[in-house]
Protein backbone atom coordinates (compact mmCIF):
# COMPACT_ATOMS: atom_id res chain seq x y z
CA MET A 1 -0.31 0.04 -0.02
CA THR A 2 1.26 3.44 -0.66
CA TYR A 3 1.64 5.77 2.30
CA ALA A 4 -1.77 7.99 1.58
CA ALA A 5 -3.71 4.76 1.04
CA GLN A 6 -2.02 3.82 4.57
CA ILE A 7 -3.03 7.02 6.23
CA ALA A 8 -6.53 6.83 4.85
CA ASP A 9 -7.24 3.51 5.73
CA TRP A 10 -6.57 4.31 9.35
CA ALA A 11 -8.59 7.84 9.31
CA ALA A 12 -11.26 6.21 7.81
CA GLY A 13 -11.58 3.57 10.33
CA LEU A 14 -10.50 5.66 13.29
CA ARG A 15 -13.71 6.33 16.06
CA PHE A 16 -14.09 8.59 18.81
CA THR A 17 -14.01 5.86 21.57
CA ASP A 18 -10.55 4.94 19.81
CA ILE A 19 -8.94 7.96 20.95
CA PRO A 20 -7.66 8.07 24.36
CA GLU A 21 -8.92 10.71 26.30
CA VAL A 22 -5.61 12.83 26.95
CA VAL A 23 -5.61 13.07 23.57
CA ILE A 24 -9.66 14.55 23.57
CA THR A 25 -8.98 16.86 26.46
CA ASP A 26 -5.94 18.06 24.66
CA GLU A 27 -7.61 18.95 21.26
CA LYS A 28 -10.92 20.19 23.45
CA LEU A 29 -8.19 23.06 24.86
CA ARG A 30 -7.12 23.53 21.66
CA VAL A 31 -10.50 24.35 19.81
CA LEU A 32 -11.03 27.07 22.72
CA ASP A 33 -7.61 28.46 21.87
CA ILE A 34 -8.12 28.59 18.23
CA LEU A 35 -11.95 30.52 18.78
CA GLY A 36 -10.13 32.99 20.75
CA VAL A 37 -7.11 33.81 19.01
CA ALA A 38 -9.53 34.09 15.45
CA LEU A 39 -11.92 36.37 17.53
CA ALA A 40 -9.42 38.53 18.61
CA ALA A 41 -7.81 38.64 15.08
CA SER A 42 -11.63 39.69 13.80
CA THR A 43 -11.22 43.13 14.93
CA LEU A 44 -8.19 43.92 13.27
CA PRO A 45 -7.84 46.36 9.97
CA ALA A 46 -5.82 43.49 8.34
CA SER A 47 -8.69 41.08 8.42
CA ALA A 48 -10.89 43.01 6.60
CA PRO A 49 -9.87 42.51 3.13
CA VAL A 50 -9.99 38.61 3.61
CA ARG A 51 -13.80 38.74 4.57
CA THR A 52 -14.82 41.24 2.04
CA ALA A 53 -13.14 39.00 -0.87
CA ALA A 54 -14.79 36.02 0.55
CA LEU A 55 -18.09 37.83 0.10
CA ARG A 56 -17.20 38.63 -3.45
CA LEU A 57 -16.63 34.77 -4.09
CA GLY A 58 -20.17 33.98 -4.28
CA THR A 59 -23.28 33.22 -1.61
CA GLY A 60 -24.07 30.56 0.74
CA GLU A 61 -25.90 29.97 3.80
CA GLU A 62 -24.47 26.77 5.25
CA SER A 63 -21.39 28.41 7.59
CA ARG A 64 -21.00 31.22 9.06
CA MET A 65 -17.27 33.83 9.39
CA TRP A 66 -16.46 33.82 13.26
CA GLY A 67 -16.85 37.39 14.72
CA TYR A 68 -17.95 38.57 11.40
CA GLY A 69 -21.32 36.29 11.52
CA ASP A 70 -21.52 36.58 7.43
CA ARG A 71 -23.21 33.09 6.16
CA THR A 72 -21.07 31.78 2.65
CA THR A 73 -20.02 28.35 2.01
CA ALA A 74 -18.48 26.17 4.20
CA ALA A 75 -15.18 26.06 2.13
CA THR A 76 -15.15 30.00 2.01
CA ALA A 77 -15.91 30.21 5.61
CA ALA A 78 -13.11 28.07 6.30
CA MET A 79 -11.13 30.09 4.06
CA VAL A 80 -11.74 33.18 6.44
CA ASN A 81 -11.79 31.33 9.64
CA GLY A 82 -8.50 29.78 9.11
CA SER A 83 -7.08 33.05 8.25
CA LEU A 84 -8.53 34.80 11.25
CA ALA A 85 -6.92 31.90 13.65
CA HIS A 86 -3.22 32.71 12.27
CA ALA A 87 -3.89 36.60 11.66
CA LEU A 88 -2.07 37.00 15.17
CA ASP A 89 0.47 34.27 15.08
CA TYR A 90 -1.02 33.31 18.18
CA ASP A 91 -2.01 29.67 17.17
CA ASP A 92 -0.38 26.61 18.15
CA THR A 93 2.61 24.85 16.68
CA HIS A 94 3.50 21.22 15.84
CA ASN A 95 7.30 21.56 17.36
CA GLU A 96 9.07 18.86 15.23
CA SER A 97 7.00 19.71 11.87
CA VAL A 98 7.05 23.38 12.67
CA VAL A 99 3.40 23.42 11.53
CA HIS A 100 0.62 25.69 12.80
CA ILE A 101 -1.51 22.15 12.91
CA SER A 102 -4.93 23.58 15.07
CA GLY A 103 -5.49 26.46 12.58
CA PRO A 104 -6.25 24.53 9.40
CA VAL A 105 -7.55 21.53 11.11
CA VAL A 106 -9.90 23.10 13.87
CA THR A 107 -11.53 25.60 11.74
CA THR A 108 -12.27 22.82 8.86
CA GLY A 109 -13.69 20.83 11.63
CA LEU A 110 -15.88 23.81 12.97
CA THR A 111 -17.00 25.25 9.89
CA LEU A 112 -17.73 22.19 7.84
CA GLY A 113 -19.00 20.94 10.96
CA GLU A 114 -21.35 23.83 11.18
CA ALA A 115 -22.97 23.33 7.74
CA LEU A 116 -23.36 19.52 8.15
CA ARG A 117 -24.65 19.97 11.72
CA ALA A 118 -22.50 17.81 13.04
CA GLY A 119 -22.25 16.43 16.53
CA GLY A 120 -18.96 17.14 18.77
CA LYS A 121 -17.80 13.63 18.86
CA THR A 122 -18.16 13.76 15.01
CA VAL A 123 -16.33 16.97 14.55
CA LEU A 124 -13.52 15.94 17.20
CA THR A 125 -12.82 12.84 15.91
CA ALA A 126 -12.01 14.47 12.34
CA ILE A 127 -10.03 16.90 13.97
CA VAL A 128 -7.81 14.60 15.64
CA ALA A 129 -7.49 12.48 12.64
CA GLY A 130 -6.17 15.66 10.55
CA ALA A 131 -4.03 16.73 13.23
CA GLU A 132 -2.25 13.71 13.96
CA LEU A 133 -1.82 12.95 10.26
CA GLY A 134 -0.81 16.39 9.56
CA CYS A 135 2.05 16.60 11.87
CA ARG A 136 3.17 12.98 10.76
CA ILE A 137 3.32 14.44 7.25
CA GLY A 138 5.72 17.38 8.41
CA ARG A 139 7.95 15.20 10.84
CA VAL A 140 9.10 13.31 7.69
CA VAL A 141 11.37 15.95 6.76
CA PRO A 142 11.65 18.68 10.02
CA GLY A 143 12.57 21.76 9.10
CA GLU A 144 13.34 21.18 5.53
CA PHE A 145 10.19 22.97 4.22
CA HIS A 146 11.41 26.27 5.76
CA LYS A 147 14.79 25.95 4.61
CA ARG A 148 13.78 25.79 0.73
CA GLY A 149 10.87 28.73 1.46
CA PHE A 150 7.69 26.69 1.96
CA HIS A 151 5.48 27.82 4.80
CA ALA A 152 5.05 24.11 6.15
CA THR A 153 1.56 24.88 7.51
CA GLY A 154 0.17 25.92 4.15
CA VAL A 155 1.56 22.63 2.84
CA MET A 156 1.00 20.12 5.72
CA GLY A 157 -2.32 22.11 6.19
CA ALA A 158 -4.06 20.97 3.17
CA PHE A 159 -3.64 17.38 3.64
CA ALA A 160 -4.36 17.73 7.05
CA ALA A 161 -7.76 19.38 6.41
CA SER A 162 -8.76 17.03 3.67
CA VAL A 163 -8.75 14.33 5.81
CA VAL A 164 -10.89 16.42 8.98
CA ALA A 165 -13.32 17.00 5.76
CA GLY A 166 -13.25 13.53 4.37
CA LYS A 167 -14.08 12.21 7.70
CA LEU A 168 -16.80 14.60 8.61
CA LEU A 169 -18.32 13.62 4.64
CA GLY A 170 -18.12 10.16 5.81
CA LEU A 171 -15.48 9.44 2.76
CA ASN A 172 -14.15 5.83 2.98
CA ALA A 173 -10.60 4.71 3.01
CA HIS A 174 -10.33 4.97 -1.05
CA GLN A 175 -12.07 8.35 -0.88
CA LEU A 176 -9.93 9.61 1.36
CA ARG A 177 -6.35 8.44 -0.22
CA ASN A 178 -7.83 10.30 -3.45
CA ALA A 179 -8.60 13.59 -1.34
CA LEU A 180 -5.11 13.20 -0.33
CA GLY A 181 -3.72 12.96 -3.69
CA ILE A 182 -5.95 16.04 -4.82
CA ALA A 183 -4.60 18.33 -1.63
CA GLY A 184 -1.36 17.38 -3.03
CA SER A 185 -2.01 19.70 -5.94
CA GLN A 186 -3.43 22.59 -3.42
CA ALA A 187 -0.75 22.10 -0.99
CA SER A 188 1.07 25.72 -1.05
CA GLY A 189 2.58 28.74 1.02
CA LEU A 190 5.46 30.29 0.36
CA LEU A 191 7.85 32.08 3.22
CA GLU A 192 8.84 35.52 1.24
CA GLY A 193 6.44 37.32 3.12
CA PHE A 194 8.96 37.28 6.43
CA ARG A 195 10.89 39.52 4.06
CA ASP A 196 8.55 42.65 3.88
CA GLY A 197 5.84 41.83 6.80
CA SER A 198 3.07 41.42 4.03
CA ALA A 199 0.10 39.77 5.29
CA VAL A 200 -0.03 36.72 3.00
CA LYS A 201 1.57 34.40 5.35
CA GLN A 202 -2.02 34.91 7.44
CA LEU A 203 -3.73 33.49 4.62
CA HIS A 204 -1.82 30.05 4.65
CA PRO A 205 -4.03 27.91 6.91
CA GLY A 206 -7.23 29.45 5.79
CA TRP A 207 -6.70 28.56 2.03
CA ALA A 208 -5.18 24.99 3.42
CA ALA A 209 -8.92 24.51 5.10
CA HIS A 210 -10.53 25.89 1.79
CA ALA A 211 -8.31 23.45 -0.25
CA GLY A 212 -9.00 20.49 2.28
CA ILE A 213 -12.83 21.10 1.62
CA ILE A 214 -12.66 21.37 -1.77
CA ALA A 215 -10.50 18.09 -2.14
CA ALA A 216 -12.92 16.06 0.23
CA TYR A 217 -15.88 17.37 -2.12
CA LEU A 218 -14.27 16.18 -5.16
CA ALA A 219 -13.18 13.00 -4.02
CA GLN A 220 -16.50 12.35 -2.56
CA ASP A 221 -18.15 12.75 -6.30
CA GLY A 222 -15.35 10.51 -7.65
CA PHE A 223 -12.46 12.70 -8.48
CA THR A 224 -9.10 11.21 -8.44
CA GLY A 225 -5.73 12.12 -7.35
CA PRO A 226 -2.37 10.18 -7.23
CA ALA A 227 -2.09 7.54 -4.67
CA THR A 228 1.72 8.39 -4.59
CA VAL A 229 1.27 11.61 -3.68
CA PHE A 230 3.70 11.73 -0.74
CA GLU A 231 6.73 9.09 -2.46
CA GLY A 232 6.14 9.43 -5.62
CA ARG A 233 9.05 10.66 -7.77
CA ASP A 234 7.15 14.08 -8.69
CA GLY A 235 5.44 14.01 -5.14
CA LEU A 236 5.43 16.12 -1.73
CA TYR A 237 8.82 15.16 -0.62
CA ASN A 238 10.80 15.30 -3.73
CA SER A 239 9.16 18.18 -5.51
CA HIS A 240 9.15 20.36 -2.17
CA VAL A 241 12.19 19.20 -0.57
CA GLY A 242 14.38 17.51 -3.35
CA SER A 243 15.01 14.13 -4.76
CA GLY A 244 16.29 11.71 -1.78
CA ASP A 245 15.67 9.17 0.21
CA HIS A 246 13.05 10.34 2.54
CA PRO A 247 12.06 8.36 5.51
CA ALA A 248 8.54 8.61 4.63
CA GLY A 249 7.84 5.11 6.93
CA ARG A 250 7.65 8.03 9.81
CA MET A 251 4.23 8.94 8.40
CA THR A 252 2.96 5.65 10.27
CA GLU A 253 5.30 4.34 12.45
CA GLY A 254 3.34 4.05 15.24
CA LEU A 255 0.26 5.06 14.09
CA GLY A 256 -2.60 4.57 16.40
CA ARG A 257 -0.19 4.01 19.51
CA GLU A 258 1.84 6.87 19.87
CA TRP A 259 -0.14 10.49 19.62
CA THR A 260 2.62 12.74 18.09
CA CYS A 261 -0.23 15.88 17.99
CA LEU A 262 0.31 15.79 21.79
CA HIS A 263 3.52 17.30 21.07
CA THR A 264 1.78 20.57 19.62
CA SER A 265 3.01 24.10 21.85
CA PHE A 266 0.29 26.17 23.02
CA LYS A 267 1.56 29.80 22.55
CA PRO A 268 2.06 32.27 25.07
CA TYR A 269 3.12 34.83 23.16
CA PRO A 270 1.98 36.22 19.86
CA CYS A 271 4.74 35.92 17.61
CA GLY A 272 7.21 33.28 15.77
CA HIS A 273 7.04 30.50 17.81
CA VAL A 274 10.76 29.76 17.29
CA VAL A 275 11.54 32.84 19.79
CA HIS A 276 9.43 31.81 22.73
CA GLY A 277 12.17 29.84 24.28
CA PHE A 278 14.38 33.04 24.50
CA LEU A 279 11.47 34.97 25.98
CA ASP A 280 10.90 32.67 28.38
CA ALA A 281 14.69 32.93 29.19
CA LEU A 282 14.47 36.66 29.13
CA MET A 283 11.14 37.06 30.88
CA ALA A 284 12.71 34.61 33.66
CA LEU A 285 15.59 37.11 34.24
CA TYR A 286 13.36 40.24 34.34
CA ARG A 287 11.31 38.39 37.28
CA GLU A 288 13.91 36.55 38.86
CA ALA A 289 17.17 38.80 38.43
CA GLY A 290 15.09 42.02 38.32
CA LEU A 291 16.84 42.83 34.60
CA ARG A 292 15.78 45.91 32.92
CA ALA A 293 15.87 47.85 29.49
CA GLY A 294 18.03 50.45 30.65
CA GLN A 295 20.41 48.14 32.22
CA VAL A 296 21.67 46.41 28.77
CA GLU A 297 25.08 46.86 27.68
CA LYS A 298 24.36 43.89 25.38
CA ILE A 299 22.37 40.58 24.81
CA THR A 300 23.44 37.56 22.79
CA CYS A 301 21.51 34.83 21.98
CA PRO A 302 23.22 31.57 21.05
CA THR A 303 20.62 30.10 18.25
CA ALA A 304 19.93 27.26 15.87
CA GLU A 305 20.64 27.71 12.36
CA TRP A 306 17.35 26.66 11.20
CA MET A 307 15.82 29.21 13.25
CA ILE A 308 17.94 32.27 12.25
CA PRO A 309 16.60 32.39 8.82
CA ILE A 310 12.92 32.75 9.83
CA MET A 311 13.56 35.33 12.94
CA CYS A 312 16.84 36.90 12.33
CA GLU A 313 17.89 37.78 8.88
CA PRO A 314 18.55 40.00 7.13
CA ARG A 315 19.48 41.87 10.44
CA ALA A 316 18.71 45.11 8.84
CA LEU A 317 15.31 44.49 7.83
CA LYS A 318 14.60 42.66 11.06
CA LEU A 319 15.79 45.43 13.27
CA LYS A 320 13.31 47.95 11.68
CA PRO A 321 10.02 46.25 11.19
CA GLU A 322 8.13 47.69 8.39
CA THR A 323 4.65 46.44 9.76
CA ASP A 324 3.14 44.97 12.88
CA TYR A 325 3.35 41.41 11.09
CA HIS A 326 6.81 42.05 10.35
CA ALA A 327 7.62 42.63 14.05
CA LYS A 328 6.25 39.19 14.95
CA PHE A 329 8.99 37.68 13.10
CA SER A 330 11.98 39.93 14.34
CA PHE A 331 13.82 38.30 16.80
CA TYR A 332 15.05 41.78 17.97
CA PHE A 333 11.64 43.19 18.36
CA THR A 334 10.20 41.00 19.92
CA MET A 335 12.52 40.30 22.69
CA ALA A 336 13.13 44.15 22.88
CA ALA A 337 9.29 44.54 23.37
CA ALA A 338 9.26 41.81 26.13
CA LEU A 339 11.46 43.40 28.15
CA ILE A 340 10.64 47.05 27.79
CA ASP A 341 6.92 45.80 29.18
CA GLY A 342 7.80 42.86 31.08
CA ARG A 343 5.61 40.98 28.91
CA LEU A 344 4.43 40.35 25.61
CA GLY A 345 1.32 40.33 24.37
CA VAL A 346 -1.17 41.50 21.39
CA GLU A 347 -0.54 45.26 22.50
CA ALA A 348 3.08 45.12 21.68
CA PHE A 349 2.61 45.14 17.87
CA THR A 350 1.36 48.25 17.54
CA GLU A 351 1.99 50.95 15.15
CA ALA A 352 3.40 53.46 17.35
CA ASN A 353 5.57 50.69 18.99
CA ILE A 354 7.16 49.47 16.08
CA ARG A 355 8.19 53.26 15.15
CA ASN A 356 9.22 53.65 19.08
CA PRO A 357 12.68 54.92 19.15
CA GLU A 358 13.36 53.66 22.65
CA LEU A 359 12.31 50.13 21.66
CA LEU A 360 14.54 50.10 18.44
CA ALA A 361 17.67 51.42 20.26
CA LEU A 362 17.39 48.16 22.79
CA ALA A 363 16.79 46.11 19.77
CA GLU A 364 20.18 47.03 18.34
CA LYS A 365 21.81 45.52 21.20
CA ILE A 366 20.23 42.26 20.86
CA HIS A 367 22.35 39.80 18.45
CA CYS A 368 21.93 35.91 17.43
CA ILE A 369 25.01 33.78 16.90
CA PRO A 370 24.74 30.07 15.67
CA ASP A 371 24.69 27.32 18.02
CA PRO A 372 25.91 24.38 16.75
CA ASP A 373 24.67 22.04 19.53
CA ALA A 374 21.09 23.66 19.47
CA PRO A 375 18.50 20.64 19.14
CA GLY A 376 16.59 19.89 15.88
CA THR A 377 13.04 21.40 15.54
CA GLY A 378 11.31 19.08 18.06
CA HIS A 379 13.11 21.47 20.91
CA PHE A 380 12.76 25.52 21.04
CA LYS A 381 15.44 25.94 23.03
CA GLY A 382 16.22 29.63 24.19
CA TRP A 383 19.85 30.56 25.59
CA VAL A 384 19.90 34.50 26.35
CA GLN A 385 23.14 36.23 27.67
CA VAL A 386 23.04 39.78 29.21
CA ASP A 387 26.14 42.35 29.38
CA THR A 388 24.76 44.66 31.97
CA THR A 389 26.05 48.28 32.16
CA ASP A 390 27.30 47.51 35.36
CA GLY A 391 29.45 44.94 34.24
CA ARG A 392 27.72 41.90 34.96
CA ARG A 393 26.77 38.97 33.31
CA LEU A 394 23.28 37.30 33.41
CA GLU A 395 22.53 34.12 31.53
CA ARG A 396 19.60 31.57 31.30
CA VAL A 397 18.83 28.80 29.41
CA VAL A 398 15.44 26.93 28.56
CA ASP A 399 15.54 23.48 26.82
CA ASP A 400 11.40 23.42 26.17
CA ASN A 401 9.66 26.72 25.45
CA TRP A 402 6.65 27.17 27.69
CA GLY A 403 3.30 25.75 26.23
CA SER A 404 5.19 22.54 24.85
CA LEU A 405 4.25 19.10 26.31
CA ALA A 406 7.80 19.19 28.23
CA ASN A 407 6.97 22.52 29.64
CA PRO A 408 3.29 23.13 29.43
CA MET A 409 0.83 25.80 29.83
CA THR A 410 -1.87 24.68 32.15
CA PRO A 411 -5.44 24.41 31.40
CA ASP A 412 -6.07 27.39 33.18
CA GLN A 413 -3.55 29.77 31.74
CA VAL A 414 -4.72 28.46 28.28
CA GLN A 415 -8.37 29.86 29.47
CA THR A 416 -6.98 33.13 30.87
CA LYS A 417 -5.46 33.51 27.00
CA PHE A 418 -8.96 33.13 25.53
CA ARG A 419 -10.44 35.29 27.94
CA ASP A 420 -8.20 37.91 27.15
CA ASN A 421 -8.48 37.46 23.18
CA VAL A 422 -12.28 37.12 23.21
CA GLY A 423 -12.60 40.27 25.37
CA LEU A 424 -11.05 41.95 22.47
CA ALA A 425 -14.19 41.04 20.15
CA LEU A 426 -17.47 40.17 22.32
CA GLU A 427 -18.80 41.29 25.57
CA LYS A 428 -17.23 39.26 28.92
CA ALA A 429 -20.95 37.75 29.56
CA ARG A 430 -20.50 35.48 26.98
CA ILE A 431 -16.97 33.94 27.91
CA PRO A 432 -18.14 31.26 30.35
CA ASN A 433 -20.27 29.86 27.76
CA ILE A 434 -17.89 29.35 24.96
CA ILE A 435 -15.42 28.02 27.38
CA GLU A 436 -18.25 25.53 28.46
CA GLY A 437 -19.07 24.94 25.19
CA ALA A 438 -15.58 24.07 24.04
CA LEU A 439 -14.57 22.16 26.54
CA HIS A 440 -17.79 19.79 26.81
CA LEU A 441 -17.77 19.92 22.98
CA ASP A 442 -17.84 16.24 22.83
CA THR A 443 -21.23 16.15 24.81
CA SER A 444 -22.92 18.73 21.79
CA HIS A 445 -25.38 17.02 19.27
CA ASP A 446 -24.58 20.22 16.76
CA VAL A 447 -21.36 22.30 16.87
CA SER A 448 -23.17 24.97 15.31
CA ALA A 449 -24.55 26.02 18.72
CA LEU A 450 -21.04 26.99 19.78
CA ILE A 451 -20.59 28.95 16.93
CA GLY A 452 -23.77 30.66 17.64
CA LEU A 453 -21.88 32.23 20.76
CA CYS A 454 -18.99 33.27 18.98
CA ILE A 455 -20.62 36.06 16.43
CA ALA A 456 -20.31 39.56 17.60
């Protein structure tokens, strides 16, 4: 059997009762988290073009755009909702594959689930299947998509979303295999937006969700895609990463026994995830050593070489970000903003802040150097060395970023993040009901009730 056939066979057969309780509990928190970051993003002016463009694509009544409430087709609404989920860059990341997996799978699950009036257990089963397989497809070549300029979320997200949509539509294993093959021709997303801070990257999970639904619809009606979409001569790995002996067996190794999706990190900071370990280390020095911005002579950060092109280079552009989204992928800006404010929240990325002379001067004092002994993509390590103006040397190492499986955010901390985000979009009286709905999603007979709570 080809790899697409193997994973389609597993996904088609997966039942809610097959999934360990720890995975279900984790996924319900991720549903809550994605709803929160998407609702917060619905208040951003930068999100408006996605909504207005979606409305021009055509009409429909089956699904709603979160926050806005506009009704349209499931695929179009999923494009909007997935884009909202990533607009603040506050959505989770599967460390090893460096994929923002919950953005495309949760938005596909809830948006198509609303159209189908699906129950919570059905939707959660589909989301888990998509998340698990999306992470596994990405971990075959960890970090390699980024090295070649592809946004792994856009690429892997399309495959993952096709599984979610296929499960919800009741596709059999053969149809699911075709959906994966079709998704492969839509799996896309370039990282060039890192260079100038343009908005396109936030569209990638939304486009992946849209692509996944389209692929599943086509497969349901008999359209076909290549069975060798992953390992074939012109399949995913050879076309996107380069010809070679890629360990595609990692897709199916331990499938159904080991749950790779649990190694997905929640985000405590709304910025590029690879800087989070460094932010953790810097905030520890802020709290425990009393470090303040005015005391800094120089900050040196030994950094994994694979992280440097994402957050640190070109240095001249990263030191003076052009937009708020550009600032989220500046190692120097995010670290400086965190040290000045003693935290890094949504409010850090304002027009005033990205032009703040004090913040930009502090950013100039921060330097990344290669760390040849840094771990691979499975661990977002942070290492901060601070030389102070009074001659001291302060240092802190964080081996695993806060929010990861090894250094987790607690459920209460995830809920606090949700409250802060949703408070930007909805009246606070609704917040407890949304939390209750998400954390008890498996008892819901129709997920559209939860979506109804998320309309401004």
